[in-house]
Amino acid sequence: MKKILIIEDNTEINHLIADALKKAGYECTQAFSGTEALLYYEKESYDLVLMDMMLPGLCGDELFPKMKAIKDTPVIVVSAKDEMDTKVQMLTSGAEDYITKPFEIPELLARVAVQIRRSSNGASDASGGQMKYKELTLDESSFTVMVNDNEVQLTKREFQILALLVSHPKRVFTKQDIYDCAWNEIYIGEDKTINVHISNIRKKLKEFTDTEFIETVWGIGYKLAK
């Protein structure tokens, strides 16, 4: 499970972000000051940091270089400071992304997913590059999918989509998440391509099992069926 450090002094916003991330399948550590965050950061390893700029103890400008000097964990700045100079400074200093408050939770989750995916380079949490879910076994080293000892012939993009869903079984992935993963291009709202690939995956799995693996979440995207 991917671990995320949330650094936000506003209790309501901190809990809002943590609740959303936990529902999406992430493990969260919550810090409410720059000083507290640095203590956590020195002791634990995280896959991603979400950091406010205006913090008690150590402000973001002071905290950010201290963290980067310890380890190069990806950082998304989440701040009400919307001045272009501040955004440019943080991005050129090494922040991976900058989200301005107020923000929408689906956008935050999408940006988190992109950074987690980039930092892991598509690596699986499972040992040996394999992921399992019910009768499914996915091998990322060979791009093969097995269902009840039968190999399912998926294209590379179909495999990438299924692997994305299996990587976080409880999470709902937006169509932008899926497009970012399988096409590595800017998503411009083209639903037909994604829908066709999802339909093809379902048909190919149905050849070997009656189990429904992919659930449509109307108006949002897709997730693994329970």
Foldseek 3Di string as FASTA:
>chain_A
DAEEEEEAQPPVVQVVLCVLVVLQPYHYDYHNALVRSVVCLLVDDGQEYEHEQCGPPDGNVRSVVVSVVRDQHAYEYEYQPDDPVVQVVVVVVRHPYYHHPPDDSLVVVLVVLLSSCVSCVNAAPDPQQWFDDDQWIARPVVRWIDGPNRIQDADNLLSQLVSVQRRRQSHFAFPQSSCCRRPVDGDPPPVPVVVVSVVVNQVSVVVRDPDQFWDADPPGHIHGDD
